Structure formats: C-alpha cells, structure tokens
Protein backbone atom coordinates (compact mmCIF):
# COMPACT_ATOMS: atom_id res chain seq x y z
CA VAL A 1 426.18 -0.25 -18.13
CA ILE A 2 424.29 -3.28 -19.38
CA MET A 3 423.05 -6.47 -17.91
CA ALA A 4 425.72 -9.12 -18.04
CA GLY A 5 424.73 -11.97 -20.36
CA PRO A 6 425.49 -15.63 -19.72
CA GLY A 7 429.04 -16.44 -20.62
CA ALA A 8 429.91 -12.73 -20.85
CA LYS A 9 433.33 -13.73 -19.55
CA GLY A 10 433.65 -16.48 -22.15
CA SER A 11 436.40 -16.30 -24.75
CA ALA A 12 435.83 -15.19 -28.31
CA ALA A 13 436.57 -18.74 -29.41
CA GLU A 14 433.56 -20.01 -27.49
CA ALA A 15 431.19 -17.43 -28.97
CA GLU A 16 429.72 -17.49 -32.45
CA PRO A 17 432.30 -15.85 -34.74
CA GLU A 18 430.06 -14.03 -37.19
CA ALA A 19 428.31 -10.76 -36.46
CA ALA A 20 424.61 -11.50 -36.68
CA PRO A 21 422.07 -8.91 -37.81
CA ALA A 22 419.72 -7.56 -35.13
CA PRO A 23 416.63 -9.79 -34.84
CA MET A 24 414.36 -6.71 -34.88
CA PRO A 25 414.73 -3.21 -36.32
CA GLY A 26 415.95 -0.64 -33.82
CA LEU A 27 417.85 -3.11 -31.62
CA GLN A 28 421.55 -2.53 -31.03
CA LEU A 29 423.98 -5.30 -30.10
CA VAL A 30 425.61 -4.37 -26.80
CA GLN A 31 427.19 -7.60 -25.64
CA GLN A 32 427.98 -11.05 -26.97
CA GLY A 33 428.78 -13.97 -24.73
CA ALA A 34 429.32 -17.67 -25.26
CA GLU A 35 425.60 -18.49 -24.88
CA ALA A 36 423.65 -15.39 -25.86
CA ARG A 37 423.66 -11.97 -27.45
CA LEU A 38 422.28 -8.92 -25.65
CA TYR A 39 420.56 -6.18 -27.59
CA ARG A 40 419.28 -2.87 -26.31
CA GLY A 41 416.24 -1.11 -27.71
CA SER A 42 412.58 -0.47 -27.07
CA PHE A 43 409.68 -2.89 -26.59
CA LEU A 44 406.13 -1.52 -26.39
CA GLY A 45 407.65 1.89 -25.67
CA ARG A 46 409.80 0.71 -22.76
CA PRO A 47 413.63 0.62 -22.57
CA THR A 48 414.40 -3.06 -23.09
CA VAL A 49 417.27 -5.53 -23.12
CA MET A 50 416.64 -8.46 -25.44
CA LYS A 51 418.54 -11.64 -24.67
CA LEU A 52 418.83 -13.99 -27.63
CA ARG A 53 420.22 -17.48 -27.23
CA PHE A 54 421.91 -18.52 -30.43
CA PRO A 55 422.29 -22.17 -31.49
CA LYS A 56 425.54 -24.02 -30.84
CA ARG A 57 426.52 -25.83 -34.00
CA TYR A 58 428.38 -28.61 -32.19
CA ARG A 59 425.14 -29.77 -30.53
CA HIS A 60 422.55 -31.96 -32.18
CA PRO A 61 419.77 -29.61 -33.38
CA ALA A 62 417.02 -31.40 -31.41
CA LEU A 63 419.11 -31.34 -28.21
CA GLU A 64 420.06 -27.71 -28.83
CA GLU A 65 416.42 -26.69 -29.22
CA ARG A 66 415.35 -28.55 -26.07
CA LEU A 67 418.22 -27.13 -24.00
CA SER A 68 417.75 -23.55 -25.21
CA ARG A 69 414.01 -23.64 -24.56
CA LYS A 70 414.51 -25.14 -21.10
CA ARG A 71 417.09 -22.51 -20.12
CA THR A 72 415.02 -19.66 -21.50
CA ALA A 73 411.96 -20.85 -19.56
CA GLN A 74 413.96 -21.38 -16.36
CA GLU A 75 415.51 -17.92 -16.58
CA ALA A 76 412.08 -16.31 -16.97
CA ARG A 77 410.69 -18.37 -14.06
CA SER A 78 413.67 -17.46 -11.84
CA LEU A 79 413.25 -13.74 -12.53
CA LEU A 80 409.54 -13.96 -11.68
CA ARG A 81 410.32 -15.98 -8.53
CA CYS A 82 412.75 -13.27 -7.42
CA ARG A 83 410.25 -10.49 -7.92
CA ARG A 84 407.53 -12.41 -6.06
CA ALA A 85 409.93 -12.78 -3.13
CA GLY A 86 410.64 -9.03 -3.10
CA ILE A 87 414.10 -9.41 -4.66
CA SER A 88 414.88 -6.74 -7.25
CA ALA A 89 415.31 -8.27 -10.71
CA PRO A 90 414.47 -7.10 -14.25
CA VAL A 91 410.81 -7.24 -15.24
CA VAL A 92 410.11 -9.91 -17.88
CA TYR A 93 408.14 -8.19 -20.65
CA PHE A 94 407.86 -11.08 -23.09
CA VAL A 95 409.23 -14.59 -23.71
CA ASP A 96 409.55 -15.77 -27.32
CA TYR A 97 409.96 -19.56 -27.26
CA VAL A 98 410.24 -19.76 -31.06
CA SER A 99 413.52 -17.84 -31.16
CA ASN A 100 414.42 -18.36 -27.45
CA CYS A 101 414.40 -14.63 -26.73
CA LEU A 102 413.75 -12.84 -23.46
CA TYR A 103 412.58 -9.23 -23.52
CA LEU A 104 413.62 -7.73 -20.19
CA GLU A 105 413.52 -4.39 -18.41
CA ASP A 106 416.63 -2.32 -19.14
CA ILE A 107 417.96 -1.06 -15.81
CA VAL A 108 418.75 2.39 -17.23
CA GLY A 109 421.69 4.21 -15.67
CA SER A 110 422.73 1.23 -13.56
CA VAL A 111 426.32 0.26 -12.78
CA THR A 112 427.58 -3.26 -12.11
CA VAL A 113 428.78 -3.99 -8.59
CA ARG A 114 432.08 -5.00 -10.23
CA ASP A 115 432.57 -1.54 -11.74
CA HIS A 116 431.40 0.18 -8.55
CA ILE A 117 433.94 -1.67 -6.38
CA ILE A 118 436.77 -1.04 -8.86
CA SER A 119 435.83 2.65 -9.09
CA VAL A 120 435.86 3.07 -5.30
CA GLN A 121 439.18 1.22 -5.03
CA LYS A 122 440.77 3.38 -7.76
CA SER A 123 439.51 6.59 -6.20
CA GLY A 124 441.53 5.84 -3.08
CA MET A 125 438.45 6.07 -0.87
CA ASP A 126 438.34 3.98 2.27
CA ILE A 127 436.92 0.58 1.23
CA SER A 128 434.86 0.59 4.42
CA SER A 129 432.35 2.48 2.26
CA LEU A 130 431.93 -0.81 0.38
CA ILE A 131 431.03 -2.78 3.49
CA MET A 132 427.40 -1.71 3.12
CA VAL A 133 427.39 -2.93 -0.49
CA ALA A 134 428.77 -6.30 0.63
CA GLU A 135 426.15 -6.55 3.39
CA LYS A 136 423.40 -5.72 0.90
CA ILE A 137 424.61 -8.55 -1.38
CA GLY A 138 424.60 -10.95 1.59
CA GLU A 139 421.07 -9.92 2.55
CA VAL A 140 419.71 -10.33 -1.02
CA LEU A 141 421.41 -13.71 -1.56
CA ALA A 142 420.05 -14.94 1.78
CA ARG A 143 416.52 -14.10 0.63
CA MET A 144 417.14 -15.75 -2.75
CA HIS A 145 418.46 -18.97 -1.19
CA ASP A 146 415.62 -19.03 1.33
CA GLU A 147 413.37 -19.22 -1.76
CA ASP A 148 415.43 -22.28 -2.83
CA LEU A 149 416.62 -20.43 -5.92
CA ILE A 150 420.20 -21.14 -7.03
CA HIS A 151 421.66 -18.50 -9.36
CA GLY A 152 424.38 -20.71 -10.85
CA ASP A 153 426.69 -17.91 -12.01
CA LEU A 154 427.12 -15.41 -9.18
CA THR A 155 429.69 -12.71 -9.97
CA THR A 156 429.85 -8.99 -9.24
CA SER A 157 429.16 -8.44 -12.98
CA ASN A 158 425.75 -10.10 -12.57
CA MET A 159 424.66 -7.62 -9.89
CA LEU A 160 423.58 -4.07 -10.73
CA LEU A 161 423.08 -0.98 -8.61
CA ARG A 162 420.18 1.21 -9.70
CA PRO A 163 420.87 4.94 -9.73
CA PRO A 164 421.60 6.63 -7.45
CA THR A 165 424.10 4.04 -6.18
CA GLU A 166 423.96 5.48 -2.63
CA LYS A 167 420.48 3.97 -2.26
CA LEU A 168 422.06 0.51 -2.60
CA GLU A 169 419.18 -0.97 -4.59
CA LEU A 170 420.74 -4.20 -5.79
CA VAL A 171 419.36 -5.90 -8.91
CA LEU A 172 420.26 -9.52 -9.70
CA VAL A 173 420.59 -10.39 -13.40
CA ASP A 174 421.60 -13.26 -15.71
CA PHE A 175 419.71 -16.28 -14.40
CA GLY A 176 420.56 -18.39 -17.47
CA LEU A 177 422.12 -21.16 -15.35
CA SER A 178 419.68 -20.93 -12.43
CA PHE A 179 417.71 -23.81 -10.95
CA ILE A 180 415.55 -24.68 -7.95
CA SER A 181 417.08 -26.64 -5.08
CA ALA A 182 416.63 -26.82 -1.31
CA LEU A 183 419.99 -28.59 -0.85
CA PRO A 184 422.55 -26.76 1.35
CA GLU A 185 425.25 -28.22 -0.95
CA ASP A 186 423.89 -26.32 -3.98
CA LYS A 187 423.58 -23.09 -2.01
CA GLY A 188 427.11 -23.55 -0.62
CA VAL A 189 428.48 -24.04 -4.15
CA ASP A 190 426.60 -20.90 -5.28
CA LEU A 191 428.39 -18.91 -2.56
CA TYR A 192 431.72 -20.59 -3.36
CA VAL A 193 431.45 -19.59 -7.03
CA LEU A 194 430.82 -16.00 -5.91
CA GLU A 195 433.72 -16.09 -3.44
CA LYS A 196 436.17 -17.27 -6.13
CA ALA A 197 434.90 -14.67 -8.62
CA PHE A 198 434.82 -11.91 -5.98
CA LEU A 199 438.37 -12.40 -4.69
CA SER A 200 439.91 -12.90 -8.14
CA THR A 201 438.16 -9.82 -9.62
CA HIS A 202 438.70 -7.66 -6.52
CA PRO A 203 442.03 -8.49 -4.81
CA ASN A 204 442.48 -7.66 -1.12
CA THR A 205 438.75 -7.61 -0.41
CA GLU A 206 438.61 -10.58 1.99
CA ALA A 207 437.09 -8.28 4.65
CA LEU A 208 434.29 -7.38 2.24
CA PHE A 209 433.44 -10.99 1.53
CA GLU A 210 433.52 -11.79 5.25
CA ALA A 211 431.01 -8.97 5.82
CA LEU A 212 428.86 -10.42 3.02
CA LEU A 213 428.85 -13.88 4.60
CA LYS A 214 428.18 -12.51 8.09
CA LYS A 215 425.11 -10.65 6.81
CA TYR A 216 424.00 -13.73 4.82
CA SER A 217 424.21 -15.86 7.97
CA ALA A 218 422.20 -13.35 9.99
CA ALA A 219 419.55 -12.79 7.30
CA SER A 220 418.93 -16.37 6.16
CA LYS A 221 416.67 -18.71 8.11
CA LYS A 222 418.57 -21.69 6.67
CA SER A 223 422.16 -20.41 6.75
CA ALA A 224 423.86 -22.78 9.23
CA PRO A 225 423.96 -25.91 6.99
CA VAL A 226 424.77 -23.73 3.94
CA ILE A 227 427.85 -22.15 5.58
CA LYS A 228 428.91 -25.62 6.77
CA LYS A 229 428.69 -26.87 3.17
CA LEU A 230 430.57 -23.79 1.94
CA ASP A 231 433.45 -24.70 4.28
CA GLU A 232 433.41 -28.27 2.92
CA VAL A 233 433.44 -27.04 -0.69
CA ARG A 234 436.33 -24.68 0.12
CA LEU A 235 438.27 -27.62 1.55
CA ARG A 236 437.63 -29.69 -1.59
CA GLY A 237 438.77 -26.77 -3.72
CA ARG A 238 442.01 -26.42 -1.74
CA LYS A 239 442.71 -30.16 -2.03
CA ARG A 240 442.20 -30.01 -5.79
CA SER A 241 444.58 -27.06 -6.14
CA MET A 242 447.20 -28.86 -4.01
CA VAL A 243 446.97 -32.02 -6.12
CA GLY A 244 447.07 -29.92 -9.33
C-alpha cells in the first residue's frame, strides 16, 4: 500500500491526461492524483516515495510556480513539525524546489486505515476491534491540533498503519493542503472533513467516529472550543443540504 497523494480521489479529468516518464531512472509510477504523481523507488539506498507536483496548464505559469513551491515547502515543514511533536509521519529525505519534488520515507508494508477498516468489516469480525484504531486516530489528531497544525485533507486513506497493524502505529501522510492555525474554527473544519469522509467511506461506523471524538476530547488540551466549532460546522452543513 502506498502513501495517498493529494487529490488521489480526484477524477481522471482533473489529472494530467498524458503518462509522463519517470523523473529519475528506477522510479515507478504508483499513483496519480489531481495535484501530484507518486513514484516509488530508492534514494540514497533507502526505500523512497517521490511526490512530484506537476504544473496545471490552466494557471498562469508564474502563479503556478509560486503556488507549487509554497505547497511543497509547507508540506515538508508540516511533516517535520509532526515528527518534532512525536507524531509519526514519513521522514523527509530531500526537497527539490526546482522541480517541486519531495523525497519521502516509504512506509514499507503499511496498510491504509481505509483498507484496514474495510478488511475487518468484510471479514465479519466484531467492529469493536476497530474501536482502538479510532481512539488512536483521535489521540494523534489531538496532538497534531495542539501543535496548531491543520492537515486540510483528513481521510482514512491519508492514514497508514505500520506493520504489524496490531501495534497500532499510525502514520499521517499527504500534508499537501496543510497550514498552521490556532483557530478552533479551522480545527473544527479539519475534523468535519474527516467525519464526512469517514462516514461516507465506511457506512454504519458512527460508533467508531464517536469513539474517535471522545478520545480527541480527552487527549487535547484545547478540545472544548474545537468540538463546539465542529458542532457549529455540522449545523451549517445540514442547513446547506436542506436548502440544496
């Protein structure tokens, strides 16, 4: 299983249509999203995922260059910020600002939380075994938000479990839309995005998400205003869906 790239859930129409050659010999294309291509290979003898942002032709070239460089830099900074805070994230091996490439640790043998949940559900096992996974997610996100780091694209595809999965070592990936903010509103929206993605990808898992939020509230020093904002954002979302 690979690290989910930004826009991995984007449609083929959004992505660049042509198959591009690998930017370096020995790299293999493993995923193409709307914003970036992911290659797997080796960098300085280490298993590596290379994330290459490709230019969007509809943007002005100068704007495109500025935006790509800014997002590449912010992603690298966010990954480093996570690791400094004791949150498991891929090691950044190298940042190439000329081609807007990130060379990142390949989490070999990992499985996405999305695939893990689906696998457990399909196996017919009691989903109570997933409660600990949900609590682990809540604990890690609480630590991330306490560092004032907003992920920007939280889904169960952007969370990996290192092998063996029973150890529940959660790795956060794909910080391409991340930013720094101390505002409870931004943290509430981050959780709301995850809630929408979680419940649409994994039906009938409301109890899991409740366990996630309960653990988040207990683990975060700043959770009260964030949960209050989450409730407000939920209300706005319901009003929008009622209006149509």
